[in-house]
Amino acid sequence: MMAEENSKFLKAYDMASSTDRQLPPDVMLHFYALYKRATEKNGFYIPPTDKGDLRSAFKINALLQVKDISKKEAKKLYIEMVETHIGKIPD
C-alpha cells in the first residue's frame, strides 16, 4: 500500500508541477506546504528568510498550518488537492 501511495503522490506532484492552470496564490501555497510536509526528512521545514521578504512570510504561514499533520496525511491531502484543482491522477 505504501509504494502505491508514494507512486500516486509522485504522479500528483508531476501533474501539479507541469500544469498550465493559473491557480490562486492561496492554493499554490497550500500545495507548497503539503509537499514540504510530505517530503521533509527531519520533521518541520523552515524556508530561508530575508527581513521583509513577504513571500517567505506567506510560505512560513502555510507551513505552520500543516505542521501538525503526518507525512502520510500530507501526501493524501496533496493527492486530493491535485484531483480537485488539476484533474484525476492516472493509475
N, C-alpha and C. Protein backbone atom coordinates (compact mmCIF):
# COMPACT_ATOMS: atom_id res chain seq x y z
N MET A 1 0.83 -1.21 0.00
CA MET A 1 0.00 0.00 0.00
C MET A 1 0.87 1.27 0.00
N MET A 2 1.96 1.23 0.77
CA MET A 2 2.81 2.40 0.88
C MET A 2 3.45 2.76 -0.46
N ALA A 3 3.93 1.75 -1.20
CA ALA A 3 4.55 2.00 -2.50
C ALA A 3 3.53 2.58 -3.47
N GLU A 4 2.30 2.07 -3.42
CA GLU A 4 1.22 2.58 -4.28
C GLU A 4 0.92 4.04 -3.94
N GLU A 5 0.87 4.34 -2.65
CA GLU A 5 0.61 5.72 -2.21
C GLU A 5 1.73 6.66 -2.66
N ASN A 6 2.99 6.21 -2.52
CA ASN A 6 4.11 7.04 -2.96
C ASN A 6 4.08 7.26 -4.46
N SER A 7 3.74 6.23 -5.21
CA SER A 7 3.66 6.35 -6.66
C SER A 7 2.59 7.36 -7.06
N LYS A 8 1.44 7.29 -6.41
CA LYS A 8 0.35 8.23 -6.72
C LYS A 8 0.75 9.66 -6.32
N PHE A 9 1.44 9.79 -5.20
CA PHE A 9 1.91 11.10 -4.75
C PHE A 9 2.88 11.68 -5.78
N LEU A 10 3.81 10.87 -6.27
CA LEU A 10 4.78 11.36 -7.27
C LEU A 10 4.08 11.74 -8.57
N LYS A 11 3.08 10.98 -8.97
CA LYS A 11 2.30 11.34 -10.17
C LYS A 11 1.56 12.66 -9.94
N ALA A 12 1.02 12.82 -8.74
CA ALA A 12 0.31 14.06 -8.39
C ALA A 12 1.27 15.24 -8.44
N TYR A 13 2.48 15.05 -7.90
CA TYR A 13 3.48 16.12 -7.93
C TYR A 13 3.84 16.48 -9.37
N ASP A 14 4.04 15.47 -10.22
CA ASP A 14 4.35 15.73 -11.62
C ASP A 14 3.24 16.54 -12.29
N MET A 15 1.99 16.17 -12.00
CA MET A 15 0.86 16.91 -12.58
C MET A 15 0.83 18.35 -12.09
N ALA A 16 1.02 18.53 -10.78
CA ALA A 16 0.99 19.88 -10.21
C ALA A 16 2.14 20.73 -10.74
N SER A 17 3.30 20.12 -10.92
CA SER A 17 4.48 20.85 -11.38
C SER A 17 4.39 21.26 -12.84
N SER A 18 3.64 20.50 -13.62
CA SER A 18 3.61 20.77 -15.06
C SER A 18 2.28 21.36 -15.56
N THR A 19 1.38 21.67 -14.65
CA THR A 19 0.09 22.21 -15.08
C THR A 19 0.23 23.62 -15.65
N ASP A 20 -0.61 23.93 -16.62
CA ASP A 20 -0.68 25.28 -17.17
C ASP A 20 -1.76 26.11 -16.49
N ARG A 21 -2.50 25.49 -15.59
CA ARG A 21 -3.59 26.20 -14.91
C ARG A 21 -3.05 27.30 -14.02
N GLN A 22 -3.76 28.41 -14.05
CA GLN A 22 -3.43 29.53 -13.16
C GLN A 22 -4.21 29.31 -11.87
N LEU A 23 -3.52 28.86 -10.85
CA LEU A 23 -4.17 28.60 -9.57
C LEU A 23 -4.03 29.82 -8.66
N PRO A 24 -5.02 30.05 -7.80
CA PRO A 24 -4.93 31.19 -6.87
C PRO A 24 -3.71 31.02 -5.94
N PRO A 25 -3.13 32.13 -5.51
CA PRO A 25 -1.95 32.06 -4.65
C PRO A 25 -2.15 31.22 -3.39
N ASP A 26 -3.34 31.29 -2.76
CA ASP A 26 -3.55 30.51 -1.54
C ASP A 26 -3.53 29.01 -1.83
N VAL A 27 -4.03 28.59 -2.99
CA VAL A 27 -4.00 27.18 -3.37
C VAL A 27 -2.55 26.75 -3.64
N MET A 28 -1.80 27.59 -4.32
CA MET A 28 -0.40 27.27 -4.60
C MET A 28 0.41 27.16 -3.30
N LEU A 29 0.14 28.03 -2.35
CA LEU A 29 0.83 27.96 -1.06
C LEU A 29 0.46 26.68 -0.31
N HIS A 30 -0.79 26.27 -0.41
CA HIS A 30 -1.21 25.03 0.25
C HIS A 30 -0.54 23.82 -0.40
N PHE A 31 -0.44 23.82 -1.73
CA PHE A 31 0.31 22.78 -2.43
C PHE A 31 1.75 22.73 -1.90
N TYR A 32 2.37 23.89 -1.84
CA TYR A 32 3.75 24.01 -1.38
C TYR A 32 3.91 23.42 0.03
N ALA A 33 3.04 23.83 0.93
CA ALA A 33 3.15 23.41 2.33
C ALA A 33 2.93 21.90 2.46
N LEU A 34 1.94 21.37 1.77
CA LEU A 34 1.69 19.93 1.85
C LEU A 34 2.85 19.14 1.26
N TYR A 35 3.40 19.62 0.15
CA TYR A 35 4.54 18.93 -0.46
C TYR A 35 5.73 18.92 0.50
N LYS A 36 6.04 20.07 1.07
CA LYS A 36 7.17 20.16 2.00
C LYS A 36 6.94 19.27 3.22
N ARG A 37 5.72 19.26 3.73
CA ARG A 37 5.40 18.43 4.90
C ARG A 37 5.53 16.95 4.55
N ALA A 38 5.09 16.58 3.36
CA ALA A 38 5.12 15.17 2.94
C ALA A 38 6.53 14.67 2.66
N THR A 39 7.43 15.57 2.30
CA THR A 39 8.76 15.13 1.85
C THR A 39 9.90 15.52 2.78
N GLU A 40 9.65 16.30 3.79
CA GLU A 40 10.72 16.73 4.69
C GLU A 40 11.23 15.54 5.50
N LYS A 41 12.54 15.34 5.50
CA LYS A 41 13.13 14.19 6.17
C LYS A 41 13.26 14.37 7.68
N ASN A 42 13.56 15.56 8.13
CA ASN A 42 13.86 15.78 9.54
C ASN A 42 12.80 16.58 10.27
N GLY A 43 11.56 16.29 10.00
CA GLY A 43 10.50 16.98 10.73
C GLY A 43 9.95 18.17 10.01
N PHE A 44 10.15 19.34 10.57
CA PHE A 44 9.49 20.55 10.10
C PHE A 44 10.42 21.40 9.25
N TYR A 45 9.99 21.75 8.06
CA TYR A 45 10.79 22.55 7.13
C TYR A 45 10.54 24.04 7.37
N ILE A 46 11.62 24.81 7.47
CA ILE A 46 11.53 26.28 7.56
C ILE A 46 12.32 26.85 6.38
N PRO A 47 11.64 27.60 5.51
CA PRO A 47 12.37 28.16 4.37
C PRO A 47 13.33 29.27 4.82
N PRO A 48 14.40 29.48 4.06
CA PRO A 48 15.29 30.60 4.38
C PRO A 48 14.54 31.92 4.23
N THR A 49 14.86 32.88 5.07
CA THR A 49 14.13 34.15 5.02
C THR A 49 15.09 35.33 4.93
N ASP A 50 14.58 36.39 4.34
CA ASP A 50 15.24 37.69 4.35
C ASP A 50 14.29 38.63 5.08
N LYS A 51 14.85 39.56 5.81
CA LYS A 51 13.97 40.52 6.50
C LYS A 51 13.10 41.24 5.49
N GLY A 52 11.81 41.28 5.78
CA GLY A 52 10.89 41.99 4.92
C GLY A 52 10.47 41.20 3.68
N ASP A 53 10.86 39.93 3.60
CA ASP A 53 10.50 39.11 2.45
C ASP A 53 9.09 38.56 2.65
N LEU A 54 8.14 39.18 1.98
CA LEU A 54 6.74 38.82 2.14
C LEU A 54 6.46 37.40 1.66
N ARG A 55 7.10 36.98 0.58
CA ARG A 55 6.89 35.63 0.06
C ARG A 55 7.26 34.58 1.11
N SER A 56 8.39 34.76 1.77
CA SER A 56 8.80 33.82 2.82
C SER A 56 7.81 33.81 3.97
N ALA A 57 7.29 34.97 4.32
CA ALA A 57 6.30 35.04 5.40
C ALA A 57 5.05 34.23 5.05
N PHE A 58 4.60 34.33 3.81
CA PHE A 58 3.43 33.55 3.39
C PHE A 58 3.75 32.06 3.40
N LYS A 59 4.96 31.68 2.97
CA LYS A 59 5.35 30.27 2.98
C LYS A 59 5.38 29.73 4.40
N ILE A 60 5.97 30.49 5.31
CA ILE A 60 6.05 30.04 6.70
C ILE A 60 4.65 29.89 7.28
N ASN A 61 3.76 30.83 7.00
CA ASN A 61 2.39 30.73 7.47
C ASN A 61 1.72 29.46 6.94
N ALA A 62 1.90 29.17 5.66
CA ALA A 62 1.31 27.97 5.07
C ALA A 62 1.88 26.72 5.73
N LEU A 63 3.19 26.71 5.98
CA LEU A 63 3.81 25.56 6.63
C LEU A 63 3.30 25.36 8.06
N LEU A 64 3.10 26.45 8.76
CA LEU A 64 2.57 26.35 10.13
C LEU A 64 1.17 25.73 10.15
N GLN A 65 0.41 25.97 9.10
CA GLN A 65 -0.95 25.43 9.03
C GLN A 65 -0.97 23.91 8.87
N VAL A 66 0.11 23.33 8.37
CA VAL A 66 0.14 21.88 8.15
C VAL A 66 1.12 21.16 9.08
N LYS A 67 1.71 21.87 10.03
CA LYS A 67 2.77 21.29 10.85
C LYS A 67 2.31 20.12 11.71
N ASP A 68 1.03 20.06 12.05
CA ASP A 68 0.56 19.01 12.95
C ASP A 68 0.00 17.78 12.23
N ILE A 69 0.08 17.75 10.90
CA ILE A 69 -0.39 16.56 10.21
C ILE A 69 0.80 15.66 9.87
N SER A 70 0.53 14.38 9.76
CA SER A 70 1.60 13.43 9.47
C SER A 70 2.03 13.53 8.01
N LYS A 71 3.19 12.95 7.72
CA LYS A 71 3.67 12.93 6.34
C LYS A 71 2.68 12.15 5.47
N LYS A 72 2.17 11.07 6.00
CA LYS A 72 1.21 10.24 5.25
C LYS A 72 -0.06 11.05 4.94
N GLU A 73 -0.56 11.76 5.93
CA GLU A 73 -1.77 12.59 5.74
C GLU A 73 -1.48 13.72 4.75
N ALA A 74 -0.29 14.29 4.80
CA ALA A 74 0.07 15.36 3.87
C ALA A 74 0.07 14.83 2.43
N LYS A 75 0.57 13.63 2.23
CA LYS A 75 0.55 13.04 0.88
C LYS A 75 -0.88 12.83 0.41
N LYS A 76 -1.71 12.31 1.30
CA LYS A 76 -3.12 12.06 0.96
C LYS A 76 -3.82 13.37 0.59
N LEU A 77 -3.62 14.41 1.39
CA LEU A 77 -4.25 15.71 1.12
C LEU A 77 -3.71 16.34 -0.17
N TYR A 78 -2.42 16.16 -0.43
CA TYR A 78 -1.82 16.69 -1.65
C TYR A 78 -2.47 16.03 -2.87
N ILE A 79 -2.61 14.71 -2.82
CA ILE A 79 -3.26 13.97 -3.91
C ILE A 79 -4.69 14.47 -4.12
N GLU A 80 -5.42 14.64 -3.03
CA GLU A 80 -6.80 15.14 -3.12
C GLU A 80 -6.84 16.53 -3.74
N MET A 81 -5.90 17.39 -3.36
CA MET A 81 -5.86 18.75 -3.93
C MET A 81 -5.59 18.72 -5.43
N VAL A 82 -4.67 17.86 -5.85
CA VAL A 82 -4.39 17.75 -7.29
C VAL A 82 -5.65 17.32 -8.02
N GLU A 83 -6.33 16.32 -7.49
CA GLU A 83 -7.54 15.84 -8.16
C GLU A 83 -8.64 16.89 -8.16
N THR A 84 -8.69 17.73 -7.16
CA THR A 84 -9.69 18.79 -7.09
C THR A 84 -9.38 19.93 -8.05
N HIS A 85 -8.13 20.36 -8.08
CA HIS A 85 -7.75 21.57 -8.83
C HIS A 85 -7.16 21.32 -10.20
N ILE A 86 -6.65 20.12 -10.45
CA ILE A 86 -5.96 19.88 -11.72
C ILE A 86 -6.60 18.76 -12.52
N GLY A 87 -6.89 17.65 -11.89
CA GLY A 87 -7.54 16.55 -12.60
C GLY A 87 -7.22 15.20 -12.00
N LYS A 88 -7.89 14.20 -12.49
CA LYS A 88 -7.72 12.84 -12.00
C LYS A 88 -6.29 12.36 -12.26
N ILE A 89 -5.72 11.71 -11.27
CA ILE A 89 -4.36 11.18 -11.39
C ILE A 89 -4.47 9.79 -12.03
N PRO A 90 -3.74 9.59 -13.14
CA PRO A 90 -3.81 8.29 -13.82
C PRO A 90 -3.23 7.17 -12.96
N ASP A 91 -3.79 5.97 -13.11
CA ASP A 91 -3.28 4.81 -12.35
C ASP A 91 -1.98 4.31 -12.92
